Protein backbone atom coordinates (compact mmCIF):
# COMPACT_ATOMS: atom_id res chain seq x y z
CA MET A 1 -22.04 -15.72 3.80
CA GLY A 2 -22.03 -12.74 1.45
CA ILE A 3 -22.29 -12.49 -2.31
CA ILE A 4 -20.02 -10.94 -4.93
CA GLU A 5 -21.59 -8.83 -7.65
CA ILE A 6 -19.88 -7.13 -10.60
CA SER A 7 -21.29 -3.75 -11.54
CA THR A 8 -22.77 -3.80 -15.05
CA LYS A 9 -22.78 -0.04 -15.70
CA PRO A 10 -21.55 0.78 -19.23
CA VAL A 11 -19.21 3.49 -17.87
CA THR A 12 -17.29 4.13 -14.67
CA THR A 13 -18.57 7.14 -12.74
CA ASN A 14 -16.49 8.67 -9.95
CA PRO A 15 -13.78 5.97 -10.15
CA LEU A 16 -12.52 4.09 -7.12
CA LYS A 17 -9.76 2.29 -9.03
CA MET A 18 -6.29 3.84 -9.15
CA SER A 19 -3.82 2.77 -11.83
CA GLN A 20 -1.13 0.11 -11.57
CA PRO A 21 1.72 2.54 -12.47
CA LEU A 22 0.65 4.73 -9.54
CA GLY A 23 0.96 1.76 -7.18
CA GLY A 24 4.33 0.85 -8.66
CA ALA A 25 5.59 4.40 -8.17
CA MET A 26 4.47 4.31 -4.52
CA ALA A 27 6.52 1.17 -3.90
CA PHE A 28 9.68 2.76 -5.35
CA LEU A 29 9.07 5.93 -3.32
CA GLY A 30 9.66 3.72 -0.27
CA LEU A 31 13.28 3.07 -1.35
CA GLN A 32 16.24 5.31 -0.59
CA ASP A 33 17.67 7.51 -3.37
CA ALA A 34 15.08 6.22 -5.83
CA MET A 35 13.40 7.68 -8.90
CA PRO A 36 10.21 6.17 -10.41
CA LEU A 37 10.04 6.52 -14.21
CA PHE A 38 6.87 6.04 -16.26
CA HIS A 39 7.44 4.71 -19.78
CA GLY A 40 4.55 6.54 -21.43
CA SER A 41 3.19 9.94 -22.29
CA GLN A 42 3.45 13.05 -20.13
CA GLY A 43 -0.18 12.78 -19.11
CA CYS A 44 0.42 9.37 -17.49
CA SER A 45 2.90 10.81 -14.98
CA ALA A 46 1.13 14.16 -14.55
CA PHE A 47 -2.00 12.52 -13.12
CA ALA A 48 -0.02 10.25 -10.81
CA LYS A 49 2.25 13.02 -9.57
CA THR A 50 -0.68 15.34 -8.87
CA LEU A 51 -2.51 12.69 -6.88
CA LEU A 52 0.56 11.68 -4.86
CA VAL A 53 1.43 15.29 -4.04
CA LYS A 54 -2.14 15.94 -2.88
CA HIS A 55 -2.16 12.80 -0.72
CA PHE A 56 1.31 12.98 0.87
CA ARG A 57 1.71 16.79 0.73
CA GLU A 58 5.36 16.28 -0.19
CA ALA A 59 7.54 16.85 -3.25
CA ILE A 60 7.28 13.64 -5.28
CA PRO A 61 10.19 12.60 -7.52
CA LEU A 62 8.57 11.13 -10.62
CA GLN A 63 9.71 11.26 -14.24
CA THR A 64 8.40 10.18 -17.65
CA THR A 65 9.85 9.13 -20.99
CA ALA A 66 7.35 11.56 -22.59
CA LEU A 67 6.34 9.52 -25.62
CA SER A 68 4.70 11.47 -28.46
CA GLU A 69 2.45 10.20 -31.24
CA VAL A 70 5.46 9.55 -33.49
CA THR A 71 7.64 7.81 -30.90
CA THR A 72 4.69 5.71 -29.78
CA ILE A 73 4.18 4.40 -33.31
CA LEU A 74 7.85 3.98 -34.22
CA GLY A 75 8.91 2.66 -30.82
CA GLY A 76 9.92 4.24 -27.54
CA THR A 77 13.30 2.59 -26.99
CA ASP A 78 15.27 5.74 -27.77
CA ASN A 79 13.07 7.80 -25.45
CA LEU A 80 13.60 5.33 -22.63
CA HIS A 81 17.38 5.24 -23.14
CA ARG A 82 17.59 9.03 -23.26
CA ALA A 83 15.50 9.31 -20.09
CA LEU A 84 17.70 6.81 -18.24
CA ARG A 85 20.90 8.59 -19.31
CA SER A 86 19.48 11.95 -18.26
CA LEU A 87 18.32 10.69 -14.86
CA ILE A 88 21.62 9.01 -14.04
CA LYS A 89 23.72 11.98 -15.14
CA ASN A 90 21.63 14.75 -13.58
CA HIS A 91 19.97 13.20 -10.53
CA LYS A 92 22.26 10.26 -9.66
CA PRO A 93 19.60 7.91 -8.22
CA ARG A 94 20.72 4.57 -6.83
CA VAL A 95 17.46 2.95 -7.98
CA ILE A 96 15.30 3.67 -11.02
CA GLY A 97 11.95 1.90 -11.17
CA VAL A 98 10.69 1.81 -14.77
CA MET A 99 6.91 1.29 -14.94
CA SER A 100 5.15 0.51 -18.17
CA THR A 101 1.81 2.23 -18.85
CA GLY A 102 -1.30 1.41 -20.86
CA LEU A 103 0.25 3.20 -23.84
CA THR A 104 3.44 1.14 -24.02
CA GLU A 105 1.70 -2.11 -23.05
CA THR A 106 -0.87 -1.68 -25.83
CA LYS A 107 1.89 -0.83 -28.29
CA GLY A 108 3.77 -3.96 -27.23
CA GLU A 109 7.00 -2.28 -26.11
CA ASP A 110 9.65 -4.75 -24.92
CA LEU A 111 10.36 -2.96 -21.64
CA PHE A 112 12.60 -5.66 -20.19
CA GLY A 113 14.56 -5.99 -23.44
CA ASP A 114 14.99 -2.21 -23.67
CA VAL A 115 16.39 -2.04 -20.13
CA LEU A 116 18.72 -4.96 -20.87
CA SER A 117 20.04 -3.29 -24.04
CA PHE A 118 20.64 -0.06 -22.08
CA ARG A 119 22.64 -2.07 -19.56
CA GLN A 120 24.74 -3.64 -22.30
CA GLN A 121 25.41 -0.28 -23.96
CA ASN A 122 26.25 1.54 -20.72
CA PRO A 123 28.31 -0.76 -18.46
CA LYS A 124 29.79 2.28 -16.65
CA TRP A 125 26.43 2.77 -14.87
CA ALA A 126 26.19 -0.78 -13.57
CA ASP A 127 25.99 0.51 -9.98
CA THR A 128 22.58 2.09 -10.65
CA ALA A 129 19.81 -0.45 -10.16
CA ILE A 130 17.29 -0.22 -13.01
CA ILE A 131 14.19 -2.30 -12.31
CA PRO A 132 11.56 -2.75 -15.06
CA VAL A 133 8.00 -3.48 -13.95
CA SER A 134 5.01 -4.40 -16.10
CA THR A 135 2.10 -2.25 -14.84
CA PRO A 136 -0.58 -1.85 -17.52
CA ASP A 137 -3.16 0.62 -16.28
CA PHE A 138 -5.97 -0.87 -18.37
CA LYS A 139 -6.24 -3.70 -15.83
CA GLY A 140 -5.59 -4.18 -12.13
CA SER A 141 -5.40 -1.37 -9.61
CA LEU A 142 -2.99 0.49 -7.34
CA GLU A 143 -2.59 -2.55 -5.09
CA ASP A 144 -1.67 -4.75 -8.07
CA GLY A 145 0.95 -2.26 -9.28
CA PHE A 146 2.39 -2.01 -5.77
CA PHE A 147 2.66 -5.82 -5.64
CA GLN A 148 4.29 -6.01 -9.08
CA ALA A 149 6.90 -3.41 -8.06
CA VAL A 150 7.72 -5.12 -4.75
CA SER A 151 7.97 -8.46 -6.58
CA ALA A 152 10.41 -6.93 -9.06
CA ILE A 153 12.48 -5.40 -6.24
CA VAL A 154 12.71 -8.77 -4.49
CA ARG A 155 13.50 -10.52 -7.79
CA ASP A 156 16.24 -8.11 -8.91
CA LEU A 157 17.88 -6.95 -5.68
CA ILE A 158 17.91 -10.05 -3.43
CA LYS A 159 20.02 -12.61 -5.24
CA THR A 160 22.72 -14.08 -2.98
CA PRO A 161 22.04 -16.46 -0.05
CA LEU A 162 23.76 -15.11 3.07
CA PRO A 163 24.33 -16.42 6.60
CA LYS A 164 21.40 -15.70 8.89
CA ARG A 165 21.66 -12.73 11.24
CA PRO A 166 20.01 -13.41 14.63
CA GLY A 167 17.30 -10.93 15.51
CA GLN A 168 16.82 -9.58 11.97
CA ILE A 169 13.38 -9.89 10.37
CA ASN A 170 11.77 -8.72 7.14
CA ILE A 171 8.53 -6.75 7.09
CA LEU A 172 6.75 -6.64 3.73
CA ALA A 173 4.41 -3.68 4.13
CA GLY A 174 1.23 -3.42 2.06
CA SER A 175 0.17 -0.31 0.18
CA HIS A 176 -2.63 0.37 2.68
CA LEU A 177 -0.27 1.13 5.59
CA THR A 178 0.42 4.75 6.57
CA ALA A 179 3.67 6.18 7.90
CA GLY A 180 2.09 6.09 11.35
CA ASP A 181 1.26 2.40 10.93
CA LEU A 182 4.84 1.59 9.94
CA ASP A 183 6.15 3.49 12.96
CA LEU A 184 4.00 1.27 15.22
CA ILE A 185 5.39 -1.86 13.54
CA ARG A 186 8.96 -0.57 13.78
CA ASP A 187 8.57 0.35 17.47
CA ALA A 188 7.04 -3.03 18.29
CA CYS A 189 9.96 -4.89 16.65
CA HIS A 190 12.56 -2.77 18.44
CA SER A 191 10.83 -3.38 21.78
CA TYR A 192 11.54 -7.11 21.38
CA GLY A 193 15.18 -6.45 20.47
CA LEU A 194 14.57 -7.25 16.80
CA SER A 195 16.00 -5.40 13.79
CA PRO A 196 13.29 -5.01 11.13
CA ILE A 197 13.93 -4.32 7.45
CA ILE A 198 10.71 -2.79 6.13
CA LEU A 199 10.10 -3.02 2.38
CA PRO A 200 9.01 -0.60 1.07
CA ASP A 201 9.48 1.88 3.91
CA LEU A 202 7.15 4.81 3.19
CA GLY A 203 7.27 5.49 6.92
CA SER A 204 10.75 7.00 6.61
CA SER A 205 10.52 8.49 3.11
CA LEU A 206 7.04 10.05 2.89
CA ASP A 207 6.28 10.61 6.56
CA GLY A 208 6.34 14.40 6.27
CA HIS A 209 9.70 15.01 7.94
CA LEU A 210 11.62 18.19 7.15
CA ALA A 211 14.85 17.36 5.34
CA LYS A 212 18.02 19.43 5.13
CA GLY A 213 18.34 20.79 1.64
CA PHE A 214 16.52 19.76 -1.54
CA SER A 215 16.84 16.39 -3.19
CA THR A 216 15.59 15.31 -6.61
CA VAL A 217 15.39 11.67 -5.46
CA THR A 218 13.71 10.08 -2.45
CA ILE A 219 14.95 10.94 1.03
CA GLY A 220 14.68 8.07 3.48
CA GLY A 221 13.23 4.66 2.68
CA THR A 222 14.81 1.22 2.45
CA ALA A 223 18.47 1.33 1.34
CA LEU A 224 19.86 -1.02 -1.32
CA GLU A 225 22.18 -2.61 1.24
CA GLN A 226 19.23 -3.37 3.50
CA ILE A 227 17.32 -4.99 0.64
CA SER A 228 20.17 -7.34 -0.24
CA ASP A 229 20.55 -8.11 3.48
CA MET A 230 16.97 -9.37 3.61
CA ALA A 231 18.39 -12.76 2.66
CA ARG A 232 19.95 -12.87 6.15
CA SER A 233 16.66 -12.54 8.05
CA GLU A 234 15.19 -15.14 10.38
CA ALA A 235 11.60 -14.60 9.24
CA THR A 236 9.43 -12.55 6.90
CA LEU A 237 6.30 -10.97 8.31
CA VAL A 238 3.81 -9.87 5.66
CA VAL A 239 1.15 -7.24 6.39
CA GLY A 240 -1.50 -7.42 3.69
CA ALA A 241 -2.58 -10.41 1.63
CA SER A 242 -1.44 -8.81 -1.65
CA LEU A 243 2.27 -9.19 -0.79
CA ILE A 244 2.20 -12.77 0.51
CA PRO A 245 3.48 -14.18 -2.85
CA CYS A 246 6.59 -11.97 -2.51
CA ALA A 247 7.36 -13.56 0.85
CA HIS A 248 7.02 -17.04 -0.64
CA VAL A 249 9.75 -16.14 -3.16
CA LEU A 250 12.06 -15.35 -0.23
CA ALA A 251 11.05 -18.60 1.45
CA GLU A 252 11.75 -20.62 -1.68
CA HIS A 253 15.14 -19.11 -2.52
CA PHE A 254 16.51 -18.28 0.94
CA GLN A 255 14.62 -20.60 3.32
CA ILE A 256 13.09 -17.74 5.30
CA PRO A 257 9.88 -18.70 7.15
CA VAL A 258 6.78 -16.67 6.25
CA LEU A 259 4.36 -15.30 8.84
CA PRO A 260 1.39 -13.78 6.96
CA PHE A 261 -0.92 -11.19 8.52
CA LYS A 262 -3.77 -10.36 6.19
CA ARG A 263 -4.73 -7.60 8.63
CA LEU A 264 -3.43 -5.98 11.80
CA SER A 265 -6.53 -3.95 12.66
CA GLY A 266 -8.29 -5.47 15.65
CA LEU A 267 -7.52 -7.23 18.89
CA GLU A 268 -6.99 -10.79 17.64
CA PRO A 269 -4.49 -10.01 14.83
CA SER A 270 -2.61 -7.64 17.15
CA ASP A 271 -2.31 -10.46 19.69
CA ARG A 272 -0.98 -12.80 16.99
CA PHE A 273 1.56 -10.22 15.83
CA HIS A 274 2.98 -9.74 19.32
CA ASP A 275 2.98 -13.49 19.88
CA ALA A 276 5.02 -13.90 16.68
CA LEU A 277 7.55 -11.25 17.75
CA SER A 278 7.79 -12.87 21.19
CA GLN A 279 8.48 -16.30 19.70
CA ILE A 280 11.07 -15.02 17.22
CA SER A 281 12.93 -12.99 19.84
CA GLY A 282 12.49 -15.40 22.72
CA GLN A 283 11.35 -12.52 24.93
CA LYS A 284 8.16 -12.01 26.89
CA VAL A 285 5.69 -9.38 25.75
CA PRO A 286 6.89 -6.04 27.23
CA HIS A 287 4.68 -4.49 29.88
CA LYS A 288 3.87 -1.41 27.76
CA PHE A 289 2.04 -3.57 25.24
CA ARG A 290 -0.04 -5.16 27.97
CA ILE A 291 -1.07 -1.62 29.00
CA GLN A 292 -1.91 -0.78 25.37
CA ARG A 293 -4.01 -3.96 25.09
CA ASN A 294 -5.97 -3.12 28.23
CA ARG A 295 -6.61 0.39 26.93
CA LEU A 296 -7.91 -1.03 23.67
CA LEU A 297 -10.22 -3.42 25.51
CA ASP A 298 -11.59 -0.55 27.58
CA ALA A 299 -12.06 1.58 24.45
CA MET A 300 -13.98 -1.25 22.76
CA LEU A 301 -16.15 -1.67 25.86
CA ASP A 302 -16.86 2.07 26.07
CA SER A 303 -17.68 2.36 22.38
CA HIS A 304 -19.57 -0.78 21.45
CA PHE A 305 -22.97 0.79 22.17
CA PHE A 306 -22.47 3.18 19.25
CA PHE A 307 -21.36 0.43 16.85
CA SER A 308 -24.00 -2.19 17.61
CA GLY A 309 -26.18 -2.86 14.59
CA LYS A 310 -24.95 0.19 12.65
CA LEU A 311 -24.84 -0.14 8.86
CA VAL A 312 -21.40 0.57 7.37
CA ALA A 313 -20.60 0.91 3.65
CA LEU A 314 -16.96 0.68 2.58
CA ALA A 315 -15.24 1.43 -0.75
CA LEU A 316 -11.53 0.61 -0.61
CA GLU A 317 -8.72 -1.43 -2.14
CA ALA A 318 -8.88 -5.11 -1.17
CA ASP A 319 -6.30 -5.27 1.67
CA LEU A 320 -7.75 -2.27 3.48
CA LEU A 321 -11.31 -3.36 2.70
CA PHE A 322 -10.64 -6.75 4.31
CA ALA A 323 -9.01 -5.20 7.39
CA LEU A 324 -11.67 -2.58 8.09
CA THR A 325 -14.63 -4.84 7.27
CA SER A 326 -13.34 -7.36 9.80
CA PHE A 327 -12.82 -4.58 12.35
CA PHE A 328 -16.37 -3.25 12.06
CA GLN A 329 -17.79 -6.74 12.21
CA GLU A 330 -15.87 -7.42 15.43
CA MET A 331 -17.20 -4.17 16.91
CA GLY A 332 -20.78 -5.33 16.36
CA ALA A 333 -21.52 -3.16 13.32
CA ASN A 334 -22.92 -4.51 10.07
CA PRO A 335 -20.61 -3.85 7.09
CA PHE A 336 -23.44 -4.61 4.68
CA LEU A 337 -21.84 -3.11 1.56
CA LYS A 338 -18.25 -3.50 0.37
CA ILE A 339 -17.07 -1.90 -2.88
CA ALA A 340 -13.74 -3.02 -4.37
CA PRO A 341 -12.13 -1.72 -7.60
CA THR A 342 -11.04 -5.13 -8.92
CA MET A 343 -11.63 -8.82 -8.25
CA VAL A 344 -8.88 -10.47 -6.19
CA PRO A 345 -8.80 -13.82 -4.30
CA LEU A 346 -8.99 -12.07 -0.91
CA LEU A 347 -12.56 -10.98 -1.68
CA LYS A 348 -13.67 -14.61 -1.88
CA GLU A 349 -12.36 -15.10 1.65
CA LEU A 350 -14.15 -11.95 2.75
CA LYS A 351 -17.37 -13.28 1.20
CA GLU A 352 -17.12 -16.40 3.36
CA SER A 353 -16.49 -14.51 6.60
CA CYS A 354 -18.91 -11.60 6.23
CA SER A 355 -22.52 -11.26 5.15
CA GLY A 356 -23.77 -8.56 2.80
CA LYS A 357 -22.72 -7.62 -0.72
CA ILE A 358 -19.28 -7.23 -2.22
CA VAL A 359 -19.53 -5.15 -5.40
CA ILE A 360 -16.77 -4.74 -7.97
CA GLY A 361 -17.50 -1.17 -8.95
CA ASP A 362 -16.92 2.52 -8.32
CA LEU A 363 -17.99 5.30 -5.98
CA MET A 364 -21.27 5.78 -7.86
CA ASP A 365 -22.16 2.21 -6.85
CA LEU A 366 -21.40 3.23 -3.27
CA GLU A 367 -23.66 6.28 -3.52
CA LYS A 368 -26.57 4.39 -5.08
CA ARG A 369 -26.51 1.51 -2.59
CA ALA A 370 -25.55 3.23 0.69
CA TRP A 371 -28.57 5.50 1.15
CA ASP A 372 -29.63 3.71 4.39
CA SER A 373 -26.11 3.38 5.87
CA ASP A 374 -24.89 5.03 9.08
CA LEU A 375 -21.26 5.46 8.04
CA LEU A 376 -19.26 5.54 4.81
CA VAL A 377 -15.59 4.51 4.71
CA SER A 378 -13.58 5.52 1.66
CA ASN A 379 -11.06 8.02 0.30
CA SER A 380 -11.59 11.75 -0.20
CA HIS A 381 -13.24 11.24 -3.58
CA ALA A 382 -16.30 9.91 -1.70
CA ARG A 383 -16.88 13.21 0.07
CA HIS A 384 -19.39 14.42 -2.52
CA ALA A 385 -21.40 11.21 -2.22
CA ALA A 386 -21.33 11.51 1.56
CA LYS A 387 -22.58 15.09 1.35
CA ARG A 388 -25.41 14.22 -1.04
CA LEU A 389 -26.48 11.28 1.13
CA GLY A 390 -26.05 13.20 4.38
CA LYS A 391 -23.73 10.54 5.79
CA ALA A 392 -20.57 10.69 7.90
CA LEU A 393 -17.38 9.74 6.05
CA LEU A 394 -14.41 8.01 7.66
CA ARG A 395 -11.52 8.87 5.34
CA ARG A 396 -9.17 5.98 4.66
CA GLY A 397 -7.18 4.77 1.67
CA ILE A 398 -5.69 6.80 -1.17
CA PRO A 399 -6.07 9.66 -1.78
CA VAL A 400 -6.96 11.63 1.34
CA PHE A 401 -6.40 15.28 0.50
CA ASP A 402 -9.13 17.22 2.31
CA GLN A 403 -7.86 16.57 5.83
CA LEU A 404 -4.47 17.21 7.40
CA GLY A 405 -2.30 14.61 9.10
CA HIS A 406 -3.46 11.49 7.28
CA ALA A 407 0.11 10.15 7.13
CA TYR A 408 0.09 9.95 10.92
CA HIS A 409 -3.31 8.26 11.25
CA THR A 410 -2.97 4.70 12.53
CA SER A 411 -5.36 1.75 12.23
CA ILE A 412 -3.25 -1.23 13.30
CA LEU A 413 -1.99 -2.97 16.44
CA TYR A 414 -3.32 -1.90 19.82
CA PRO A 415 -2.79 1.91 19.60
CA GLY A 416 -3.95 2.16 15.98
CA THR A 417 -7.02 0.02 16.56
CA MET A 418 -7.90 2.19 19.56
CA GLU A 419 -7.57 5.31 17.40
CA LEU A 420 -9.82 3.67 14.81
CA VAL A 421 -12.38 2.79 17.49
CA PHE A 422 -12.52 6.37 18.73
CA GLU A 423 -12.50 8.05 15.31
CA SER A 424 -15.25 5.89 13.80
CA GLY A 425 -17.14 5.71 17.11
CA ASN A 426 -17.20 9.51 17.37
CA LEU A 427 -18.62 9.80 13.85
CA LEU A 428 -21.37 7.32 14.71
CA MET A 429 -22.08 9.02 18.04
CA GLN A 430 -22.35 12.47 16.43
CA ARG A 431 -24.78 11.10 13.86
CA GLU A 432 -26.88 9.55 16.61
CA HIS A 433 -27.01 12.81 18.54
């Protein structure tokens, strides 16, 4: 059993935590013809847009209400209404996700009331979905903002019970999944004859595909019609503990069974996922997945010598931290140090299943405590710590901007776990040599 410790430093140095509005924007970027809008100052959106562009290497549609000192004091309702009118007239999005920021939350702006009054004053734009989300960036993290946005999407866009459609399932995809991960999930569902609706679908909107022409809103992603059709699904599969409450809302209102997967990295959760798809579809596991499983087993057998007893230090958001800590533990390594940006219930479960320390802190905590580790696992902001410590760094999480192709990296199901085995095993082997 591990222990949980909260860092007591008076300041955060080299932050690990990303803001809630950033996570909310990511969720809306996984919808089709969408535009995230920050209700705050220009600096709030500038930071988020820069980070997202660096991570995804794509044009990111993101706007702001651009509050000034005066409008912040007197109230930002007019700014918000002007921004909404401008976006609808000039960009014609089908969905606008309005995220609050620390500025408007501290001021006490009535975001939901402002959106409602805009609706009442502009009935001609009723076809444009405007979804307000409370995402104060003075608490929580990217994962929390992502959850709040997905919860708001489910709350506002799935309203009417519909007859069930055989073979259709919902996939609620956590913020830690890459486009490559979502492609593996999509392919697995199709192989069983199932029709998945992935929410949000960053695998088709920010996967790096070349689009014809330029668009000021998102290209690809989950369409509004698909979201409303989620009420027809036979089951909801959740990947990532952070989104499980969203699935329970669907279960409560539309009687859709929930199959939670807190992780899909590793042999055992991959087996459970395929077993779930087999039971839902009534089909046997296709032969190609049996081949993939055997390849993974062989990869684990070939690589376990390099993992055995190695000390691994991880600094990630909770869902990814849980998945990769469990993976390294299964491979025989010792994930002795886990750094998380915020305290969430999943960390208490991780404490029970894994020895070592869980620290609520930043990347400076990682650097100070990981001096005797064999491998660091974190985002690109940990590269300076890795260099100073002389350690190998496995880049995962957000942002990854100093390596190409991160969107296509996979870490889940049989192929992704095998890629993870080889990538991390090679880093450990090179260090040993």
